[in-house]
Amino acid sequence: MPSHSATDDTATARFRDPRSTEYDFLGSILVRCPGCEGAARVVPAPEHSAPGGRILFRPRRLVCGGCGLSRTWDGRCVSLNRGTHHPATDPYFGAPLWLQTETRHGWLWAYNHEHLDLIRRFVRASLRESAPRYDTGQRMTLVARLPVWIKQAKNRAEVLRAIGRIHAHAIV
């Protein structure tokens, strides 16, 4: 009987919710550069990288290795993506995310490769275990907040194909 490799796009046995939230993926966000349309990053500004304070409101820098564009954000307005009806943007500069694609159900997007990998591992799993609510008090993890169409087993193959398209486009 042939064995299945861990990298197959077929369903895997189990996924345990690691209790990640959207905030856990804000350290490095891949975006489309407003200057050259290539891949750029939104990262915490190095001069403000001291621990402490809320990670969401730390100053950020948009940097592009392609054209050299560099912008700084030190404002107070942050706009987190909610929903999948429109292309997603980064919460600081409003630049379109690099890791996204449209499906017939809506837009599938991720802030970075780790975020996309978490979604892929969740979608591939045939058994999905929720994080227990009683031991942390945290109720809505990132996977708990995923749109219903991403969570539905009947859409597994389509969502995995969309993730494959993102990976193919996102060689960064």
Protein backbone atom coordinates (compact mmCIF):
# COMPACT_ATOMS: atom_id res chain seq x y z
CA MET A 1 0.00 0.00 0.00
CA PRO A 2 1.50 3.40 -0.95
CA SER A 3 2.20 5.82 1.86
CA HIS A 4 1.14 9.45 1.72
CA SER A 5 3.74 12.14 2.20
CA ALA A 6 3.17 15.03 4.62
CA THR A 7 3.29 17.46 1.70
CA ASP A 8 0.35 15.96 -0.22
CA ASP A 9 -2.58 18.29 -0.78
CA THR A 10 -4.92 15.56 0.38
CA ALA A 11 -6.57 15.73 3.77
CA THR A 12 -4.33 15.13 6.74
CA ALA A 13 -5.52 13.54 9.93
CA ARG A 14 -5.49 16.28 12.56
CA PHE A 15 -5.12 20.00 13.14
CA ARG A 16 -4.93 21.46 16.63
CA ASP A 17 -5.66 25.16 16.88
CA PRO A 18 -2.42 26.79 18.08
CA ARG A 19 -4.48 29.72 19.44
CA SER A 20 -2.87 32.18 17.03
CA THR A 21 -4.60 35.46 16.45
CA GLU A 22 -4.35 37.94 13.61
CA TYR A 23 -1.95 39.97 15.77
CA ASP A 24 0.57 37.12 15.76
CA PHE A 25 1.17 37.66 12.04
CA LEU A 26 1.68 41.44 12.01
CA GLY A 27 5.46 41.25 12.47
CA SER A 28 6.14 41.12 8.73
CA ILE A 29 3.40 41.72 6.17
CA LEU A 30 3.96 41.13 2.45
CA VAL A 31 2.36 43.84 0.31
CA ARG A 32 2.33 45.11 -3.27
CA CYS A 33 4.74 48.06 -3.44
CA PRO A 34 2.94 51.32 -4.26
CA GLY A 35 6.01 52.40 -6.24
CA CYS A 36 6.91 49.45 -8.48
CA GLU A 37 4.08 46.91 -7.93
CA GLY A 38 6.64 44.33 -6.74
CA ALA A 39 6.71 42.60 -3.38
CA ALA A 40 7.46 44.80 -0.37
CA ARG A 41 7.31 44.32 3.40
CA VAL A 42 5.64 46.18 6.23
CA VAL A 43 7.75 45.64 9.33
CA PRO A 44 8.10 47.24 12.77
CA ALA A 45 10.31 50.34 12.53
CA PRO A 46 13.76 49.31 13.84
CA GLU A 47 14.14 52.41 15.97
CA HIS A 48 10.95 51.45 17.82
CA SER A 49 11.55 47.72 18.21
CA ALA A 50 11.79 47.72 22.02
CA PRO A 51 9.42 45.23 23.65
CA GLY A 52 6.36 46.47 25.47
CA GLY A 53 3.32 48.35 24.36
CA ARG A 54 0.71 47.03 22.00
CA ILE A 55 2.21 45.41 18.90
CA LEU A 56 -0.70 46.68 16.82
CA PHE A 57 0.23 50.34 17.33
CA ARG A 58 4.03 50.17 17.11
CA PRO A 59 5.46 52.38 14.33
CA ARG A 60 5.93 50.54 11.02
CA ARG A 61 8.00 50.88 7.92
CA LEU A 62 7.07 49.84 4.38
CA VAL A 63 10.24 48.83 2.54
CA CYS A 64 10.70 47.61 -1.01
CA GLY A 65 13.89 45.86 -2.08
CA GLY A 66 12.95 46.30 -5.73
CA CYS A 67 12.66 50.07 -6.06
CA GLY A 68 14.02 51.20 -2.68
CA LEU A 69 10.75 52.79 -1.54
CA SER A 70 10.61 53.38 2.19
CA ARG A 71 7.68 54.88 4.09
CA THR A 72 7.08 55.25 7.81
CA TRP A 73 3.79 54.89 9.66
CA ASP A 74 3.47 56.26 13.17
CA GLY A 75 -0.22 57.05 13.22
CA ARG A 76 -3.02 55.79 15.38
CA CYS A 77 -5.42 54.55 12.71
CA VAL A 78 -5.23 50.83 11.98
CA SER A 79 -7.65 49.08 9.66
CA LEU A 80 -7.73 45.29 10.09
CA ASN A 81 -9.32 43.28 7.28
CA ARG A 82 -12.79 41.97 7.95
CA GLY A 83 -14.48 39.79 5.41
CA THR A 84 -13.47 38.42 2.06
CA HIS A 85 -15.68 40.35 -0.34
CA HIS A 86 -12.88 42.69 -1.46
CA PRO A 87 -9.11 42.41 -1.94
CA ALA A 88 -7.32 42.73 1.41
CA THR A 89 -4.90 45.49 2.37
CA ASP A 90 -2.32 45.85 5.11
CA PRO A 91 -3.62 47.53 8.28
CA TYR A 92 -1.09 50.38 8.27
CA PHE A 93 -0.48 51.75 4.78
CA GLY A 94 -3.52 50.30 3.00
CA ALA A 95 -1.29 48.61 0.40
CA PRO A 96 -2.78 45.50 -1.24
CA LEU A 97 -1.55 42.25 0.30
CA TRP A 98 0.87 40.26 -1.83
CA LEU A 99 -0.50 36.89 -0.71
CA GLN A 100 -4.07 36.85 -1.96
CA THR A 101 -6.25 35.48 -4.71
CA GLU A 102 -9.91 35.58 -5.62
CA THR A 103 -12.11 32.49 -5.52
CA ARG A 104 -15.77 32.10 -6.43
CA HIS A 105 -16.57 32.44 -2.70
CA GLY A 106 -14.45 35.52 -1.99
CA TRP A 107 -10.85 36.56 -1.47
CA LEU A 108 -8.38 34.25 0.25
CA TRP A 109 -5.54 36.25 1.80
CA ALA A 110 -2.69 36.05 4.30
CA TYR A 111 -0.30 38.58 5.82
CA ASN A 112 2.79 36.39 5.36
CA HIS A 113 3.88 32.82 4.57
CA GLU A 114 3.41 31.64 8.18
CA HIS A 115 -0.18 32.91 8.13
CA LEU A 116 -0.82 31.19 4.79
CA ASP A 117 0.72 27.96 6.09
CA LEU A 118 -1.57 27.99 9.13
CA ILE A 119 -4.61 28.32 6.85
CA ARG A 120 -3.29 25.53 4.58
CA ARG A 121 -2.72 23.15 7.51
CA PHE A 122 -6.21 23.90 8.84
CA VAL A 123 -7.92 23.37 5.47
CA ARG A 124 -6.06 20.11 4.77
CA ALA A 125 -7.03 18.54 8.10
CA SER A 126 -9.98 16.18 8.22
CA LEU A 127 -10.07 16.45 12.03
CA ARG A 128 -9.94 20.01 13.37
CA GLU A 129 -9.61 20.46 17.11
CA SER A 130 -10.60 23.81 18.59
CA ALA A 131 -8.53 25.44 21.29
CA PRO A 132 -10.12 24.88 24.70
CA ARG A 133 -11.72 28.09 25.93
CA TYR A 134 -11.42 27.39 29.61
CA ASP A 135 -7.63 27.56 30.00
CA THR A 136 -6.81 30.91 28.34
CA GLY A 137 -10.01 32.89 28.17
CA GLN A 138 -9.22 33.60 24.52
CA ARG A 139 -12.34 32.87 22.52
CA MET A 140 -11.77 33.80 18.92
CA THR A 141 -8.55 32.49 17.44
CA LEU A 142 -7.55 33.14 13.85
CA VAL A 143 -8.90 29.81 12.61
CA ALA A 144 -12.15 30.32 14.54
CA ARG A 145 -12.60 33.62 12.66
CA LEU A 146 -12.02 32.15 9.20
CA PRO A 147 -14.98 32.57 6.86
CA VAL A 148 -17.36 29.60 6.74
CA TRP A 149 -16.57 28.87 3.09
CA ILE A 150 -12.89 28.27 3.98
CA LYS A 151 -13.88 25.94 6.84
CA GLN A 152 -16.28 23.79 4.82
CA ALA A 153 -14.90 20.39 3.82
CA LYS A 154 -16.76 20.57 0.50
CA ASN A 155 -14.55 23.54 -0.47
CA ARG A 156 -11.26 21.91 0.64
CA ALA A 157 -9.93 21.18 -2.85
CA GLU A 158 -10.86 24.63 -4.16
CA VAL A 159 -9.26 26.44 -1.20
CA LEU A 160 -6.10 24.33 -1.49
CA ARG A 161 -5.89 25.17 -5.21
CA ALA A 162 -6.22 28.87 -4.31
CA ILE A 163 -3.41 28.51 -1.76
CA GLY A 164 -1.35 26.83 -4.48
CA ARG A 165 -1.96 29.81 -6.80
CA ILE A 166 -0.83 32.19 -4.05
CA HIS A 167 2.35 30.14 -3.47
CA ALA A 168 3.09 30.04 -7.21
CA HIS A 169 2.75 33.83 -7.46
CA ALA A 170 4.47 34.62 -4.17
CA ILE A 171 8.05 33.59 -4.73
CA VAL A 172 9.65 36.20 -2.47
